[in-house]
Amino acid sequence: MHNCEIINSQRSARADYSLLHKQAKPEAVRGRQKLKTTMNGIQIQQVEVLEAINRTEIDMQIATAKRYPRNVQDVLNRIRESATEDASVAQECFYHLPRGGKSIDGLSVRMAEIMAGAWGNLRVQTRIVGNDGKTVTAQGICHDLETNTAISVEVKRSIVDKYGKTYSEDMQVTTGNAASAIAFRNAVLKIIPKAITNKTIEEVKKVAMGTSKDLKSRRATCVDLFEKMGVKKEVLLTLLDVEKVEDITSELLFNLVGIYNSIKEGATSIDEVFGEFTNKQQGKTALEKAKAAKEKAMQSAQRQNNVVDAEVVEEGGNV
């Protein structure tokens, strides 16, 4: 089980948690008093105790959130400061997925973490709720303690490779972690109103796209990152439909970084994104090799014809 909880208040709640323990104690005592003696021994009923403690915690968190409500302008300022600390952080805040000739763009898990921390008074939790041998299902729950609004989302991820073989246990855990991260993002972004954060997000995007002055170095860095993943430069150029690295614009570079973030977060894989373009590049390379071989053969044949013609001319002159 993968649990993640973010509970932020704008002031110290030390006194609140002291009160929490005082209120939870009687419930715990009553739970221990419900021990039942049976023929097989002692049956300990701990469920009631845990439920009481959990219920008390949530009540105290809601009370604290009401006492110290968020200031939206402060929230937007914190998001802007955290996400635009430098260009590399801003670039991690977006993802880009090519799908069936179209593109899907959105905010990354990293951006959801920044927004959740800045929004405050949130209770966020993720866990794995299913594994049927073919897919793993993660559930994300986000509870706004101020408005008492809760959202639950589920995310499925395949644990079967392209040959139909089930992933190893380690890979299933990795896939589960990726699904949990995406469930976290989806739940948080459903709670935090997009209308409030749109302007700030556009500012972050401008920083992520950088300036024309550093475009050359950012191109080289991005190509190097993909080559370390095993994606050749030629495949990247085929995906972007450009002839050379210098043709990669700021917008195309922004999309490439978004693809890199999607792969890193587990939202997609290298094969899913580049498989088709790898085949195209291989086909293009094979065609170019065949064309080059044909031209070489034609040049060789032409040279031989020239030699023969020269010999004929020479023999004619001797006669």
Protein backbone atom coordinates (compact mmCIF):
# COMPACT_ATOMS: atom_id res chain seq x y z
CA MET A 1 0.00 0.00 0.00
CA HIS A 2 1.30 3.40 -0.96
CA ASN A 3 0.10 6.25 1.22
CA CYS A 4 0.85 9.91 0.81
CA GLU A 5 -0.67 12.59 3.01
CA ILE A 6 -0.29 16.33 2.69
CA ILE A 7 -1.81 18.43 5.47
CA ASN A 8 -0.80 22.08 5.48
CA SER A 9 -1.95 24.93 7.69
CA GLN A 10 -0.75 28.49 7.57
CA ARG A 11 0.03 28.57 11.28
CA SER A 12 1.24 26.17 13.93
CA ALA A 13 -1.38 23.67 15.10
CA ARG A 14 0.56 22.29 18.01
CA ALA A 15 -2.27 23.03 20.44
CA ASP A 16 -4.78 21.41 18.09
CA TYR A 17 -2.86 18.15 18.01
CA SER A 18 -2.55 18.19 21.78
CA LEU A 19 -6.33 18.44 21.93
CA LEU A 20 -6.59 15.67 19.35
CA HIS A 21 -4.78 13.22 21.61
CA LYS A 22 -6.94 14.19 24.57
CA GLN A 23 -10.09 13.52 22.55
CA ALA A 24 -8.79 10.32 20.98
CA LYS A 25 -7.79 8.75 24.31
CA PRO A 26 -11.30 8.03 25.63
CA GLU A 27 -12.20 6.36 22.31
CA ALA A 28 -9.09 4.18 22.53
CA VAL A 29 -9.94 3.21 26.13
CA ARG A 30 -13.46 2.26 25.14
CA GLY A 31 -12.04 0.21 22.28
CA ARG A 32 -9.77 -1.74 24.62
CA GLN A 33 -12.70 -2.40 26.92
CA LYS A 34 -14.44 -4.25 24.10
CA LEU A 35 -12.12 -7.22 24.37
CA LYS A 36 -14.10 -10.43 24.12
CA THR A 37 -13.11 -13.71 25.69
CA THR A 38 -13.89 -16.68 23.44
CA MET A 39 -13.21 -20.38 23.56
CA ASN A 40 -10.24 -19.91 21.27
CA GLY A 41 -8.72 -17.05 23.25
CA ILE A 42 -9.05 -13.29 23.21
CA GLN A 43 -10.47 -11.49 20.20
CA ILE A 44 -9.11 -7.95 20.03
CA GLN A 45 -11.37 -5.49 18.32
CA GLN A 46 -8.99 -2.79 17.08
CA VAL A 47 -11.05 -1.55 14.15
CA GLU A 48 -13.22 0.69 16.31
CA VAL A 49 -10.11 2.24 17.87
CA LEU A 50 -8.50 3.06 14.53
CA GLU A 51 -11.73 4.45 13.13
CA ALA A 52 -12.20 6.67 16.18
CA ILE A 53 -8.66 8.02 16.00
CA ASN A 54 -8.92 8.62 12.24
CA ARG A 55 -12.28 10.37 12.62
CA THR A 56 -10.91 12.58 15.39
CA GLU A 57 -7.85 13.49 13.30
CA ILE A 58 -9.99 14.57 10.36
CA ASP A 59 -12.31 16.59 12.60
CA MET A 60 -9.33 18.40 14.12
CA GLN A 61 -7.80 19.07 10.69
CA ILE A 62 -11.08 20.54 9.43
CA ALA A 63 -11.32 22.72 12.54
CA THR A 64 -7.75 23.94 12.05
CA ALA A 65 -8.39 24.64 8.35
CA LYS A 66 -11.48 26.70 9.22
CA ARG A 67 -9.48 28.63 11.80
CA TYR A 68 -6.63 29.42 9.39
CA PRO A 69 -8.19 29.65 5.88
CA ARG A 70 -6.02 30.00 2.80
CA ASN A 71 -5.41 33.29 1.04
CA VAL A 72 -5.75 32.66 -2.72
CA GLN A 73 -3.31 35.41 -3.72
CA ASP A 74 -0.69 34.01 -1.34
CA VAL A 75 -1.32 30.56 -2.84
CA LEU A 76 -0.73 31.83 -6.40
CA ASN A 77 2.44 33.62 -5.30
CA ARG A 78 3.78 30.43 -3.69
CA ILE A 79 3.00 28.38 -6.81
CA ARG A 80 4.75 30.97 -8.99
CA GLU A 81 7.81 31.16 -6.73
CA SER A 82 8.21 27.38 -6.44
CA ALA A 83 7.54 26.53 -10.09
CA THR A 84 9.69 29.30 -11.58
CA GLU A 85 12.68 28.93 -9.28
CA ASP A 86 14.62 28.12 -12.47
CA ALA A 87 13.89 26.91 -16.00
CA SER A 88 14.56 23.24 -15.18
CA VAL A 89 11.93 23.22 -12.41
CA ALA A 90 9.41 24.96 -14.69
CA GLN A 91 10.04 22.40 -17.44
CA GLU A 92 9.19 19.56 -15.04
CA CYS A 93 5.71 21.04 -14.50
CA PHE A 94 4.21 19.93 -17.84
CA TYR A 95 3.72 16.75 -19.85
CA HIS A 96 3.10 16.08 -23.54
CA LEU A 97 1.79 12.83 -25.03
CA PRO A 98 1.48 12.09 -28.76
CA ARG A 99 -1.61 9.90 -29.28
CA GLY A 100 -2.92 8.74 -32.64
CA GLY A 101 -1.70 11.75 -34.57
CA LYS A 102 -2.91 14.13 -31.85
CA SER A 103 -1.31 15.52 -28.71
CA ILE A 104 -2.38 15.50 -25.07
CA ASP A 105 -0.91 18.25 -22.90
CA GLY A 106 -1.33 18.89 -19.19
CA LEU A 107 0.21 19.50 -15.81
CA SER A 108 2.68 16.96 -14.47
CA VAL A 109 2.84 15.17 -11.13
CA ARG A 110 5.57 17.62 -10.12
CA MET A 111 3.24 20.58 -10.74
CA ALA A 112 0.45 18.88 -8.76
CA GLU A 113 2.85 18.50 -5.81
CA ILE A 114 3.74 22.20 -5.96
CA MET A 115 0.07 23.23 -6.20
CA ALA A 116 -1.01 20.94 -3.35
CA GLY A 117 1.70 22.28 -1.08
CA ALA A 118 0.82 25.89 -1.91
CA TRP A 119 -2.98 25.42 -1.75
CA GLY A 120 -2.80 24.12 1.80
CA ASN A 121 -5.42 22.58 4.06
CA LEU A 122 -5.53 19.45 1.89
CA ARG A 123 -5.59 15.82 2.86
CA VAL A 124 -4.29 13.68 -0.03
CA GLN A 125 -3.92 9.91 -0.05
CA THR A 126 -3.13 7.26 -2.68
CA ARG A 127 -3.24 3.49 -2.48
CA ILE A 128 -3.31 0.39 -4.68
CA VAL A 129 -6.84 -1.04 -4.73
CA GLY A 130 -6.55 -3.75 -7.37
CA ASN A 131 -4.23 -6.08 -9.28
CA ASP A 132 -5.89 -8.64 -11.56
CA GLY A 133 -2.68 -9.87 -13.15
CA LYS A 134 -3.20 -7.68 -16.22
CA THR A 135 -3.63 -4.22 -14.77
CA VAL A 136 -2.88 -2.50 -11.49
CA THR A 137 -5.38 0.03 -10.15
CA ALA A 138 -4.44 2.97 -7.95
CA GLN A 139 -6.89 5.19 -6.10
CA GLY A 140 -6.23 8.83 -5.30
CA ILE A 141 -8.29 10.78 -2.75
CA CYS A 142 -8.05 14.53 -2.21
CA HIS A 143 -10.01 16.21 0.58
CA ASP A 144 -10.21 20.01 0.81
CA LEU A 145 -10.51 20.53 4.54
CA GLU A 146 -11.82 24.09 4.20
CA THR A 147 -14.72 23.35 1.87
CA ASN A 148 -15.11 19.75 3.07
CA THR A 149 -15.09 18.62 -0.56
CA ALA A 150 -13.54 15.25 -1.37
CA ILE A 151 -12.67 13.71 -4.74
CA SER A 152 -11.74 10.10 -5.46
CA VAL A 153 -10.18 8.95 -8.75
CA GLU A 154 -8.81 5.65 -10.02
CA VAL A 155 -5.98 5.04 -12.48
CA LYS A 156 -5.25 1.75 -14.25
CA ARG A 157 -1.87 0.76 -15.68
CA SER A 158 -1.03 -2.38 -17.63
CA ILE A 159 1.39 -4.87 -16.07
CA VAL A 160 1.67 -6.98 -19.23
CA ASP A 161 4.37 -6.42 -21.86
CA LYS A 162 3.81 -6.39 -25.63
CA TYR A 163 4.35 -10.15 -25.75
CA GLY A 164 1.56 -10.81 -23.22
CA LYS A 165 3.95 -11.71 -20.41
CA THR A 166 3.17 -10.40 -16.91
CA TYR A 167 5.73 -8.06 -15.37
CA SER A 168 8.05 -9.24 -12.63
CA GLU A 169 7.15 -8.38 -9.04
CA ASP A 170 9.59 -5.45 -8.98
CA MET A 171 8.18 -4.03 -12.21
CA GLN A 172 4.63 -4.40 -10.87
CA VAL A 173 5.64 -2.36 -7.82
CA THR A 174 7.23 0.27 -10.06
CA THR A 175 4.12 0.41 -12.24
CA GLY A 176 1.96 0.68 -9.11
CA ASN A 177 4.03 3.61 -7.87
CA ALA A 178 3.63 5.35 -11.23
CA ALA A 179 -0.14 4.76 -11.17
CA SER A 180 -0.31 6.13 -7.61
CA ALA A 181 1.59 9.27 -8.64
CA ILE A 182 -0.80 9.87 -11.54
CA ALA A 183 -3.82 9.24 -9.28
CA PHE A 184 -2.38 11.80 -6.86
CA ARG A 185 -2.07 14.35 -9.66
CA ASN A 186 -5.56 13.75 -11.03
CA ALA A 187 -7.20 14.00 -7.61
CA VAL A 188 -5.38 17.21 -6.65
CA LEU A 189 -6.12 18.91 -9.98
CA LYS A 190 -9.82 18.10 -9.64
CA ILE A 191 -9.96 19.88 -6.27
CA ILE A 192 -7.92 23.00 -7.07
CA PRO A 193 -9.99 25.20 -9.43
CA LYS A 194 -8.34 25.61 -12.83
CA ALA A 195 -9.92 29.03 -13.33
CA ILE A 196 -7.94 30.38 -10.37
CA THR A 197 -4.56 28.99 -11.40
CA ASN A 198 -4.70 29.44 -15.22
CA LYS A 199 -2.86 32.76 -15.32
CA THR A 200 -0.11 31.57 -12.99
CA ILE A 201 0.32 28.36 -15.01
CA GLU A 202 0.79 30.40 -18.19
CA GLU A 203 3.55 32.34 -16.45
CA VAL A 204 5.25 29.09 -15.47
CA LYS A 205 4.97 27.87 -19.08
CA LYS A 206 6.75 30.99 -20.36
CA VAL A 207 9.65 30.30 -18.01
CA ALA A 208 9.70 26.63 -19.08
CA MET A 209 9.96 27.59 -22.76
CA GLY A 210 13.00 29.73 -22.00
CA THR A 211 14.49 32.40 -24.25
CA SER A 212 16.06 32.30 -27.69
CA LYS A 213 19.46 33.03 -26.12
CA ASP A 214 19.69 29.66 -24.37
CA LEU A 215 17.83 27.65 -27.04
CA LYS A 216 21.00 26.07 -28.45
CA SER A 217 22.18 24.72 -25.08
CA ARG A 218 18.67 23.52 -24.16
CA ARG A 219 18.42 21.61 -27.45
CA ALA A 220 21.72 19.85 -26.76
CA THR A 221 20.70 19.01 -23.19
CA CYS A 222 17.35 17.58 -24.29
CA VAL A 223 18.85 15.45 -27.06
CA ASP A 224 21.45 14.14 -24.60
CA LEU A 225 18.71 13.18 -22.07
CA PHE A 226 16.87 11.13 -24.68
CA GLU A 227 20.04 9.48 -25.94
CA LYS A 228 20.73 8.33 -22.37
CA MET A 229 17.25 6.75 -22.48
CA GLY A 230 18.23 4.92 -25.66
CA VAL A 231 16.40 7.21 -28.11
CA LYS A 232 18.63 8.27 -31.00
CA LYS A 233 18.78 11.83 -32.29
CA GLU A 234 17.50 10.71 -35.70
CA VAL A 235 14.36 9.25 -34.12
CA LEU A 236 13.69 12.53 -32.29
CA LEU A 237 14.00 14.43 -35.56
CA THR A 238 11.61 11.99 -37.24
CA LEU A 239 9.09 12.46 -34.43
CA LEU A 240 9.32 16.25 -34.72
CA ASP A 241 9.36 16.10 -38.55
CA VAL A 242 12.47 18.28 -38.87
CA GLU A 243 15.72 17.73 -40.75
CA LYS A 244 18.28 18.78 -38.14
CA VAL A 245 18.61 19.73 -34.47
CA GLU A 246 18.89 23.42 -35.34
CA ASP A 247 15.33 23.26 -36.74
CA ILE A 248 13.88 22.45 -33.29
CA THR A 249 11.93 25.53 -32.16
CA SER A 250 11.15 26.55 -28.57
CA GLU A 251 7.65 25.11 -28.89
CA LEU A 252 8.92 21.76 -30.21
CA LEU A 253 11.55 21.66 -27.48
CA PHE A 254 8.85 22.34 -24.87
CA ASN A 255 6.89 19.34 -26.24
CA LEU A 256 10.00 17.14 -26.15
CA VAL A 257 10.59 17.98 -22.50
CA GLY A 258 6.92 17.20 -21.83
CA ILE A 259 7.36 13.77 -23.45
CA TYR A 260 10.44 13.18 -21.29
CA ASN A 261 8.43 14.06 -18.16
CA SER A 262 5.62 11.68 -19.20
CA ILE A 263 8.07 8.80 -19.61
CA LYS A 264 9.81 9.63 -16.32
CA GLU A 265 6.48 9.71 -14.44
CA GLY A 266 5.36 6.40 -15.94
CA ALA A 267 2.43 7.87 -17.88
CA THR A 268 3.83 6.34 -21.06
CA SER A 269 6.86 4.37 -22.27
CA ILE A 270 9.61 4.80 -24.83
CA ASP A 271 8.08 2.11 -27.06
CA GLU A 272 4.65 3.74 -26.96
CA VAL A 273 6.00 7.14 -27.96
CA PHE A 274 8.88 6.29 -30.28
CA GLY A 275 8.11 2.77 -31.55
CA GLU A 276 6.39 3.96 -34.72
CA PHE A 277 9.03 6.61 -35.41
CA THR A 278 11.88 4.19 -34.74
CA ASN A 279 10.45 1.90 -37.44
CA LYS A 280 10.09 4.86 -39.80
CA GLN A 281 13.67 5.90 -39.14
CA GLN A 282 14.91 2.35 -39.69
CA GLY A 283 12.94 2.17 -42.93
CA LYS A 284 14.28 5.57 -43.98
CA THR A 285 17.84 4.49 -43.16
CA ALA A 286 17.41 1.25 -45.12
CA LEU A 287 15.99 3.19 -48.09
CA GLU A 288 18.88 5.64 -47.97
CA LYS A 289 21.38 2.78 -47.84
CA ALA A 290 19.71 1.07 -50.79
CA LYS A 291 19.69 4.33 -52.74
CA ALA A 292 23.36 4.95 -51.91
CA ALA A 293 24.26 1.37 -52.96
CA LYS A 294 22.37 1.82 -56.23
CA GLU A 295 24.13 5.10 -56.97
CA LYS A 296 27.48 3.51 -56.14
CA ALA A 297 26.75 0.59 -58.48
CA MET A 298 25.73 3.00 -61.26
CA GLN A 299 28.91 5.03 -60.78
CA SER A 300 31.00 1.85 -60.87
CA ALA A 301 29.25 0.70 -64.06
CA GLN A 302 29.78 4.15 -65.62
CA ARG A 303 33.48 4.01 -64.81
CA GLN A 304 33.74 0.57 -66.43
CA ASN A 305 31.95 1.86 -69.55
CA ASN A 306 34.35 4.78 -69.70
CA VAL A 307 37.32 2.41 -69.52
CA VAL A 308 35.89 0.22 -72.29
CA ASP A 309 35.21 3.26 -74.47
CA ALA A 310 38.74 4.48 -73.93
CA GLU A 311 40.18 1.09 -74.89
CA VAL A 312 38.05 1.01 -78.07
CA VAL A 313 39.20 4.49 -79.04
CA GLU A 314 42.82 3.54 -78.42
CA GLU A 315 42.54 0.38 -80.51
CA GLY A 316 40.87 2.34 -83.33
CA GLY A 317 43.71 4.84 -83.32
CA ASN A 318 46.33 2.12 -83.59
CA VAL A 319 44.61 0.65 -86.63
